[in-house]
PDB file of N, CA and C in Angstrom:
ATOM      1  N   UNK A   1      -4.236  -2.078  -9.539  1.00  0.00           N
ATOM      2  CA  UNK A   1      -3.087  -1.383  -8.742  1.00  0.00           C
ATOM      3  C   UNK A   1      -3.357  -1.690  -7.286  1.00  0.00           C
ATOM      4  N   UNK A   2      -2.324  -2.319  -6.538  1.00  0.00           N
ATOM      5  CA  UNK A   2      -2.568  -2.555  -5.242  1.00  0.00           C
ATOM      6  C   UNK A   2      -1.931  -1.692  -4.379  1.00  0.00           C
ATOM      7  N   UNK A   3      -2.553  -0.358  -4.214  1.00  0.00           N
ATOM      8  CA  UNK A   3      -1.924   0.498  -3.227  1.00  0.00           C
ATOM      9  C   UNK A   3      -2.539   0.662  -1.765  1.00  0.00           C
ATOM     10  N   UNK A   4      -1.655   1.119  -0.954  1.00  0.00           N
ATOM     11  CA  UNK A   4      -2.141   1.497   0.380  1.00  0.00           C
ATOM     12  C   UNK A   4      -2.849   2.687   0.495  1.00  0.00           C
ATOM     13  N   UNK A   5      -3.636   2.839   1.657  1.00  0.00           N
ATOM     14  CA  UNK A   5      -4.477   3.997   1.820  1.00  0.00           C
ATOM     15  C   UNK A   5      -3.529   5.319   1.656  1.00  0.00           C
ATOM     16  N   UNK A   6      -2.368   5.363   2.391  1.00  0.00           N
ATOM     17  CA  UNK A   6      -1.477   6.398   2.536  1.00  0.00           C
ATOM     18  C   UNK A   6      -0.871   6.583   0.988  1.00  0.00           C
ATOM     19  N   UNK A   7      -0.619   5.464   0.299  1.00  0.00           N
ATOM     20  CA  UNK A   7      -0.138   5.692  -1.037  1.00  0.00           C
ATOM     21  C   UNK A   7      -1.169   6.283  -1.999  1.00  0.00           C
ATOM     22  N   UNK A   8      -2.295   5.914  -1.721  1.00  0.00           N
ATOM     23  CA  UNK A   8      -3.495   6.610  -2.680  1.00  0.00           C
ATOM     24  C   UNK A   8      -3.584   7.919  -2.396  1.00  0.00           C
ATOM     25  N   UNK A   9      -3.841   8.393  -1.101  1.00  0.00           N
ATOM     26  CA  UNK A   9      -3.795   9.844  -0.537  1.00  0.00           C
ATOM     27  C   UNK A   9      -2.588  10.551  -1.084  1.00  0.00           C
ATOM     28  N   UNK A  10      -1.447  10.103  -1.070  1.00  0.00           N
ATOM     29  CA  UNK A  10      -0.271  10.664  -1.707  1.00  0.00           C
ATOM     30  C   UNK A  10      -0.337  11.075  -3.175  1.00  0.00           C
ATOM     31  N   UNK A  11      -0.827   9.940  -3.951  1.00  0.00           N
ATOM     32  CA  UNK A  11      -1.153   9.999  -5.336  1.00  0.00           C
ATOM     33  C   UNK A  11      -1.985  11.159  -5.639  1.00  0.00           C
ATOM     34  N   UNK A  12      -3.252  11.236  -4.892  1.00  0.00           N
ATOM     35  CA  UNK A  12      -4.134  12.134  -5.089  1.00  0.00           C
ATOM     36  C   UNK A  12      -3.713  13.513  -4.936  1.00  0.00           C
ATOM     37  N   UNK A  13      -2.932  13.735  -3.885  1.00  0.00           N
ATOM     38  CA  UNK A  13      -2.556  14.943  -3.586  1.00  0.00           C
ATOM     39  C   UNK A  13      -1.323  15.623  -4.099  1.00  0.00           C
ATOM     40  N   UNK A  14      -0.647  14.615  -4.705  1.00  0.00           N
ATOM     41  CA  UNK A  14       0.789  15.113  -5.114  1.00  0.00           C
ATOM     42  C   UNK A  14       0.726  16.106  -6.209  1.00  0.00           C
ATOM     43  N   UNK A  15       1.706  16.859  -6.376  1.00  0.00           N
ATOM     44  CA  UNK A  15       1.802  18.069  -7.318  1.00  0.00           C
ATOM     45  C   UNK A  15       2.204  17.363  -8.617  1.00  0.00           C
ATOM     46  N   UNK A  16       2.865  16.154  -8.572  1.00  0.00           N
ATOM     47  CA  UNK A  16       3.277  15.392  -9.624  1.00  0.00           C
ATOM     48  C   UNK A  16       2.172  14.394 -10.052  1.00  0.00           C
ATOM     49  N   UNK A  17       1.236  14.143  -9.101  1.00  0.00           N
ATOM     50  CA  UNK A  17       0.137  13.129  -9.360  1.00  0.00           C
ATOM     51  C   UNK A  17      -1.116  13.803  -9.996  1.00  0.00           C
ATOM     52  N   UNK A  18      -2.428  13.648  -9.049  1.00  0.00           N
ATOM     53  CA  UNK A  18      -3.611  14.101  -9.455  1.00  0.00           C
ATOM     54  C   UNK A  18      -3.929  15.517  -9.048  1.00  0.00           C
ATOM     55  N   UNK A  19      -3.084  16.023  -8.084  1.00  0.00           N
ATOM     56  CA  UNK A  19      -3.366  17.498  -7.537  1.00  0.00           C
ATOM     57  C   UNK A  19      -4.564  17.755  -6.954  1.00  0.00           C
ATOM     58  N   UNK A  20      -5.221  16.697  -6.296  1.00  0.00           N
ATOM     59  CA  UNK A  20      -6.536  17.093  -5.596  1.00  0.00           C
ATOM     60  C   UNK A  20      -6.181  17.885  -4.362  1.00  0.00           C
ATOM     61  N   UNK A  21      -7.166  18.437  -3.800  1.00  0.00           N
ATOM     62  CA  UNK A  21      -6.959  19.123  -2.423  1.00  0.00           C
ATOM     63  C   UNK A  21      -7.019  17.962  -1.168  1.00  0.00           C
ATOM     64  N   UNK A  22      -6.344  18.167  -0.138  1.00  0.00           N
ATOM     65  CA  UNK A  22      -6.226  17.322   1.004  1.00  0.00           C
ATOM     66  C   UNK A  22      -7.673  16.986   1.418  1.00  0.00           C
ATOM     67  N   UNK A  23      -8.792  17.860   1.201  1.00  0.00           N
ATOM     68  CA  UNK A  23     -10.164  17.553   1.634  1.00  0.00           C
ATOM     69  C   UNK A  23     -10.666  16.607   0.608  1.00  0.00           C
ATOM     70  N   UNK A  24     -10.505  16.835  -0.578  1.00  0.00           N
ATOM     71  CA  UNK A  24     -10.944  15.917  -1.582  1.00  0.00           C
ATOM     72  C   UNK A  24     -10.336  14.614  -1.511  1.00  0.00           C
ATOM     73  N   UNK A  25      -9.021  14.535  -1.387  1.00  0.00           N
ATOM     74  CA  UNK A  25      -8.553  13.200  -1.242  1.00  0.00           C
ATOM     75  C   UNK A  25      -8.933  12.398  -0.096  1.00  0.00           C
ATOM     76  N   UNK A  26      -9.132  13.074   1.304  1.00  0.00           N
ATOM     77  CA  UNK A  26      -9.551  12.454   2.290  1.00  0.00           C
ATOM     78  C   UNK A  26     -10.915  11.852   2.229  1.00  0.00           C
ATOM     79  N   UNK A  27     -11.866  12.551   1.457  1.00  0.00           N
ATOM     80  CA  UNK A  27     -13.217  12.244   1.166  1.00  0.00           C
ATOM     81  C   UNK A  27     -13.179  11.079   0.346  1.00  0.00           C
ATOM     82  N   UNK A  28     -12.422  10.915  -0.758  1.00  0.00           N
ATOM     83  CA  UNK A  28     -12.157   9.689  -1.426  1.00  0.00           C
ATOM     84  C   UNK A  28     -11.786   8.654  -0.683  1.00  0.00           C
ATOM     85  N   UNK A  29     -10.708   8.861  -0.053  1.00  0.00           N
ATOM     86  CA  UNK A  29     -10.265   7.622   0.849  1.00  0.00           C
ATOM     87  C   UNK A  29     -11.310   7.057   1.710  1.00  0.00           C
ATOM     88  N   UNK A  30     -11.853   8.040   2.357  1.00  0.00           N
ATOM     89  CA  UNK A  30     -12.864   7.590   3.564  1.00  0.00           C
ATOM     90  C   UNK A  30     -14.172   6.903   2.771  1.00  0.00           C
ATOM     91  N   UNK A  31     -14.393   7.049   1.412  1.00  0.00           N
ATOM     92  CA  UNK A  31     -15.517   6.518   0.909  1.00  0.00           C
ATOM     93  C   UNK A  31     -15.356   5.527  -0.253  1.00  0.00           C
ATOM     94  N   UNK A  32     -14.057   5.086  -0.379  1.00  0.00           N
ATOM     95  CA  UNK A  32     -13.785   4.042  -1.352  1.00  0.00           C
ATOM     96  C   UNK A  32     -13.939   2.641  -0.487  1.00  0.00           C
ATOM     97  N   UNK A  33     -14.455   1.574  -1.248  1.00  0.00           N
ATOM     98  CA  UNK A  33     -14.511   0.248  -0.566  1.00  0.00           C
ATOM     99  C   UNK A  33     -13.311  -0.579  -1.083  1.00  0.00           C
ATOM    100  N   UNK A  34     -12.405  -0.453  -0.145  1.00  0.00           N
ATOM    101  CA  UNK A  34     -11.133  -1.320  -0.627  1.00  0.00           C
ATOM    102  C   UNK A  34     -10.675  -2.245   0.600  1.00  0.00           C
ATOM    103  N   UNK A  35     -10.244  -3.535   0.214  1.00  0.00           N
ATOM    104  CA  UNK A  35      -9.517  -4.473   1.424  1.00  0.00           C
ATOM    105  C   UNK A  35      -8.288  -4.220   1.427  1.00  0.00           C
ATOM    106  N   UNK A  36      -7.745  -3.196   2.366  1.00  0.00           N
ATOM    107  CA  UNK A  36      -6.380  -2.874   2.387  1.00  0.00           C
ATOM    108  C   UNK A  36      -5.500  -3.918   2.561  1.00  0.00           C
ATOM    109  N   UNK A  37      -5.844  -4.967   3.326  1.00  0.00           N
ATOM    110  CA  UNK A  37      -5.098  -6.147   3.599  1.00  0.00           C
ATOM    111  C   UNK A  37      -4.887  -7.034   2.313  1.00  0.00           C
ATOM    112  N   UNK A  38      -5.810  -7.131   1.490  1.00  0.00           N
ATOM    113  CA  UNK A  38      -5.789  -7.776   0.272  1.00  0.00           C
ATOM    114  C   UNK A  38      -4.835  -7.095  -0.755  1.00  0.00           C
ATOM    115  N   UNK A  39      -4.800  -5.719  -0.731  1.00  0.00           N
ATOM    116  CA  UNK A  39      -3.951  -5.002  -1.496  1.00  0.00           C
ATOM    117  C   UNK A  39      -2.451  -5.078  -0.990  1.00  0.00           C
ATOM    118  N   UNK A  40      -2.258  -5.317   0.250  1.00  0.00           N
ATOM    119  CA  UNK A  40      -1.146  -5.555   0.767  1.00  0.00           C
ATOM    120  C   UNK A  40      -0.584  -6.962   0.465  1.00  0.00           C
ATOM    121  N   UNK A  41      -1.442  -7.885   0.389  1.00  0.00           N
ATOM    122  CA  UNK A  41      -0.996  -9.262   0.133  1.00  0.00           C
ATOM    123  C   UNK A  41      -0.700  -9.360  -1.555  1.00  0.00           C
ATOM    124  N   UNK A  42      -1.398  -8.618  -2.304  1.00  0.00           N
ATOM    125  CA  UNK A  42      -1.200  -8.580  -3.771  1.00  0.00           C
ATOM    126  C   UNK A  42       0.181  -7.879  -3.969  1.00  0.00           C
ATOM    127  N   UNK A  43       0.485  -6.850  -3.290  1.00  0.00           N
ATOM    128  CA  UNK A  43       1.856  -6.134  -3.548  1.00  0.00           C
ATOM    129  C   UNK A  43       2.922  -6.891  -3.013  1.00  0.00           C
ATOM    130  N   UNK A  44       2.730  -7.853  -1.721  1.00  0.00           N
ATOM    131  CA  UNK A  44       3.759  -8.820  -1.217  1.00  0.00           C
ATOM    132  C   UNK A  44       4.103  -9.868  -2.147  1.00  0.00           C
ATOM    133  N   UNK A  45       3.119 -10.460  -2.871  1.00  0.00           N
ATOM    134  CA  UNK A  45       3.168 -11.443  -3.863  1.00  0.00           C
ATOM    135  C   UNK A  45       3.903 -11.010  -4.974  1.00  0.00           C
ATOM    136  N   UNK A  46       3.759  -9.686  -5.624  1.00  0.00           N
ATOM    137  CA  UNK A  46       4.544  -9.144  -6.641  1.00  0.00           C
ATOM    138  C   UNK A  46       5.940  -9.052  -6.270  1.00  0.00           C
ATOM    139  N   UNK A  47       6.218  -8.490  -5.049  1.00  0.00           N
ATOM    140  CA  UNK A  47       7.616  -8.531  -4.610  1.00  0.00           C
ATOM    141  C   UNK A  47       8.408  -9.857  -4.573  1.00  0.00           C
ATOM    142  N   UNK A  48       7.535 -10.780  -4.065  1.00  0.00           N
ATOM    143  CA  UNK A  48       8.077 -12.094  -3.899  1.00  0.00           C
ATOM    144  C   UNK A  48       8.144 -12.780  -5.218  1.00  0.00           C
ATOM    145  N   UNK A  49       7.521 -12.710  -6.049  1.00  0.00           N
ATOM    146  CA  UNK A  49       7.567 -13.213  -7.390  1.00  0.00           C
ATOM    147  C   UNK A  49       8.587 -12.511  -8.413  1.00  0.00           C
ATOM    148  N   UNK A  50       8.626 -11.294  -8.403  1.00  0.00           N
ATOM    149  CA  UNK A  50       9.510 -10.409  -9.358  1.00  0.00           C
ATOM    150  C   UNK A  50      10.768 -10.017  -8.928  1.00  0.00           C
ATOM    151  N   UNK A  51      10.963  -9.970  -7.600  1.00  0.00           N
ATOM    152  CA  UNK A  51      12.145  -9.500  -6.945  1.00  0.00           C
ATOM    153  C   UNK A  51      12.781 -10.823  -6.096  1.00  0.00           C
ATOM    154  N   UNK A  52      12.095 -11.777  -5.770  1.00  0.00           N
ATOM    155  CA  UNK A  52      12.698 -12.810  -4.954  1.00  0.00           C
ATOM    156  C   UNK A  52      13.083 -12.381  -3.560  1.00  0.00           C
ATOM    157  N   UNK A  53      12.264 -11.382  -3.022  1.00  0.00           N
ATOM    158  CA  UNK A  53      12.518 -10.769  -1.618  1.00  0.00           C
ATOM    159  C   UNK A  53      12.269 -11.728  -0.562  1.00  0.00           C
ATOM    160  N   UNK A  54      12.833 -11.621   0.622  1.00  0.00           N
ATOM    161  CA  UNK A  54      12.414 -12.519   1.841  1.00  0.00           C
ATOM    162  C   UNK A  54      11.166 -12.019   2.323  1.00  0.00           C
ATOM    163  N   UNK A  55      10.620 -12.616   3.204  1.00  0.00           N
ATOM    164  CA  UNK A  55       9.456 -12.219   3.904  1.00  0.00           C
ATOM    165  C   UNK A  55       9.599 -10.824   4.693  1.00  0.00           C
ATOM    166  N   UNK A  56      10.791 -10.790   5.356  1.00  0.00           N
ATOM    167  CA  UNK A  56      11.099  -9.829   6.277  1.00  0.00           C
ATOM    168  C   UNK A  56      11.521  -8.445   5.332  1.00  0.00           C
ATOM    169  N   UNK A  57      12.114  -8.658   4.225  1.00  0.00           N
ATOM    170  CA  UNK A  57      12.377  -7.634   3.450  1.00  0.00           C
ATOM    171  C   UNK A  57      11.162  -7.101   2.883  1.00  0.00           C
ATOM    172  N   UNK A  58      10.117  -7.901   2.421  1.00  0.00           N
ATOM    173  CA  UNK A  58       8.841  -7.574   1.950  1.00  0.00           C
ATOM    174  C   UNK A  58       8.035  -6.676   2.911  1.00  0.00           C
ATOM    175  N   UNK A  59       8.228  -7.277   4.250  1.00  0.00           N
ATOM    176  CA  UNK A  59       7.305  -6.638   5.291  1.00  0.00           C
ATOM    177  C   UNK A  59       7.866  -5.096   5.401  1.00  0.00           C
ATOM    178  N   UNK A  60       9.319  -5.057   5.404  1.00  0.00           N
ATOM    179  CA  UNK A  60       9.921  -3.522   5.480  1.00  0.00           C
ATOM    180  C   UNK A  60       9.595  -2.709   4.300  1.00  0.00           C
ATOM    181  N   UNK A  61       9.369  -3.339   3.123  1.00  0.00           N
ATOM    182  CA  UNK A  61       8.961  -2.516   2.012  1.00  0.00           C
ATOM    183  C   UNK A  61       7.692  -2.040   2.023  1.00  0.00           C
ATOM    184  N   UNK A  62       6.887  -3.002   2.506  1.00  0.00           N
ATOM    185  CA  UNK A  62       5.457  -2.756   2.705  1.00  0.00           C
ATOM    186  C   UNK A  62       5.099  -1.688   3.575  1.00  0.00           C
ATOM    187  N   UNK A  63       5.837  -1.455   4.691  1.00  0.00           N
ATOM    188  CA  UNK A  63       5.625  -0.491   5.810  1.00  0.00           C
ATOM    189  C   UNK A  63       6.594   0.995   5.704  1.00  0.00           C
ATOM    190  N   UNK A  64       7.442   0.787   4.844  1.00  0.00           N
ATOM    191  CA  UNK A  64       8.342   1.786   4.642  1.00  0.00           C
ATOM    192  C   UNK A  64       7.671   3.228   4.165  1.00  0.00           C
ATOM    193  N   UNK A  65       7.951   4.266   4.625  1.00  0.00           N
ATOM    194  CA  UNK A  65       7.548   5.729   4.336  1.00  0.00           C
ATOM    195  C   UNK A  65       7.881   6.024   2.842  1.00  0.00           C
ATOM    196  N   UNK A  66       9.023   5.231   2.386  1.00  0.00           N
ATOM    197  CA  UNK A  66       9.670   5.529   1.010  1.00  0.00           C
ATOM    198  C   UNK A  66       9.199   4.360   0.179  1.00  0.00           C
ATOM    199  N   UNK A  67       8.419   3.479   0.717  1.00  0.00           N
ATOM    200  CA  UNK A  67       7.770   2.357  -0.118  1.00  0.00           C
ATOM    201  C   UNK A  67       6.464   2.324  -0.196  1.00  0.00           C
ATOM    202  N   UNK A  68       5.760   1.128   0.152  1.00  0.00           N
ATOM    203  CA  UNK A  68       4.185   1.202  -0.058  1.00  0.00           C
ATOM    204  C   UNK A  68       3.365   1.820   1.101  1.00  0.00           C
ATOM    205  N   UNK A  69       3.955   2.068   2.078  1.00  0.00           N
ATOM    206  CA  UNK A  69       3.092   2.849   3.224  1.00  0.00           C
ATOM    207  C   UNK A  69       1.930   2.131   3.661  1.00  0.00           C
ATOM    208  N   UNK A  70       2.066   0.711   3.835  1.00  0.00           N
ATOM    209  CA  UNK A  70       0.908   0.057   4.348  1.00  0.00           C
ATOM    210  C   UNK A  70       1.012   0.131   5.812  1.00  0.00           C
ATOM    211  N   UNK A  71       0.075  -0.199   6.584  1.00  0.00           N
ATOM    212  CA  UNK A  71       0.186  -0.128   8.127  1.00  0.00           C
ATOM    213  C   UNK A  71       0.826  -1.395   8.526  1.00  0.00           C
ATOM    214  N   UNK A  72       1.355  -1.409   9.646  1.00  0.00           N
ATOM    215  CA  UNK A  72       2.040  -2.696  10.275  1.00  0.00           C
ATOM    216  C   UNK A  72       1.290  -3.805  10.172  1.00  0.00           C
ATOM    217  N   UNK A  73      -0.165  -3.646  10.576  1.00  0.00           N
ATOM    218  CA  UNK A  73      -1.231  -4.831  10.661  1.00  0.00           C
ATOM    219  C   UNK A  73      -1.311  -5.292   9.249  1.00  0.00           C
ATOM    220  N   UNK A  74      -1.446  -4.441   8.177  1.00  0.00           N
ATOM    221  CA  UNK A  74      -1.651  -4.794   6.805  1.00  0.00           C
ATOM    222  C   UNK A  74      -0.503  -5.702   6.417  1.00  0.00           C
ATOM    223  N   UNK A  75       0.731  -5.107   6.551  1.00  0.00           N
ATOM    224  CA  UNK A  75       1.896  -5.721   6.172  1.00  0.00           C
ATOM    225  C   UNK A  75       2.134  -7.084   6.746  1.00  0.00           C
ATOM    226  N   UNK A  76       1.812  -7.267   7.992  1.00  0.00           N
ATOM    227  CA  UNK A  76       1.874  -8.628   8.849  1.00  0.00           C
ATOM    228  C   UNK A  76       1.034  -9.565   8.167  1.00  0.00           C
ATOM    229  N   UNK A  77      -0.318  -9.146   7.934  1.00  0.00           N
ATOM    230  CA  UNK A  77      -1.352 -10.079   7.218  1.00  0.00           C
ATOM    231  C   UNK A  77      -0.674 -10.407   5.864  1.00  0.00           C
ATOM    232  N   UNK A  78      -0.229  -9.723   5.158  1.00  0.00           N
ATOM    233  CA  UNK A  78       0.471  -9.975   3.799  1.00  0.00           C
ATOM    234  C   UNK A  78       1.525 -10.841   3.903  1.00  0.00           C
ATOM    235  N   UNK A  79       2.455 -10.708   4.747  1.00  0.00           N
ATOM    236  CA  UNK A  79       3.486 -11.526   4.831  1.00  0.00           C
ATOM    237  C   UNK A  79       3.150 -13.095   5.426  1.00  0.00           C
ATOM    238  N   UNK A  80       2.191 -13.145   6.467  1.00  0.00           N
ATOM    239  CA  UNK A  80       1.672 -14.144   6.997  1.00  0.00           C
ATOM    240  C   UNK A  80       0.939 -15.173   5.895  1.00  0.00           C
ATOM    241  N   UNK A  81       0.406 -14.419   4.873  1.00  0.00           N
ATOM    242  CA  UNK A  81      -0.287 -15.113   3.849  1.00  0.00           C
ATOM    243  C   UNK A  81       0.203 -15.470   2.779  1.00  0.00           C
ATOM    244  N   UNK A  82       1.591 -15.244   2.594  1.00  0.00           N
ATOM    245  CA  UNK A  82       2.384 -15.501   1.376  1.00  0.00           C
ATOM    246  C   UNK A  82       2.694 -16.947   1.189  1.00  0.00           C
ATOM    247  N   UNK A  83       2.667 -17.664  -0.009  1.00  0.00           N
ATOM    248  CA  UNK A  83       2.730 -19.077  -0.080  1.00  0.00           C
ATOM    249  C   UNK A  83       4.350 -19.441  -0.319  1.00  0.00           C
TER     250      UNK A  83
END
């Protein structure tokens, strides 16, 4: 599952998700070993392959508050490294 830092935090703290406290979720995020740029690239590849999205549309989806919530830097890396 290629999620962003914000996406994982939201999943951990959501009343519809794992229901962890904000403190517990922050601890988890701060201590997990994840390559966020790699996650963004994997998610971008998925959008490219399954939805035939353009690079700019993928970028917008990756950084969207209603989408994947990757940082601009992570999304740029992902789009720049699509084949």
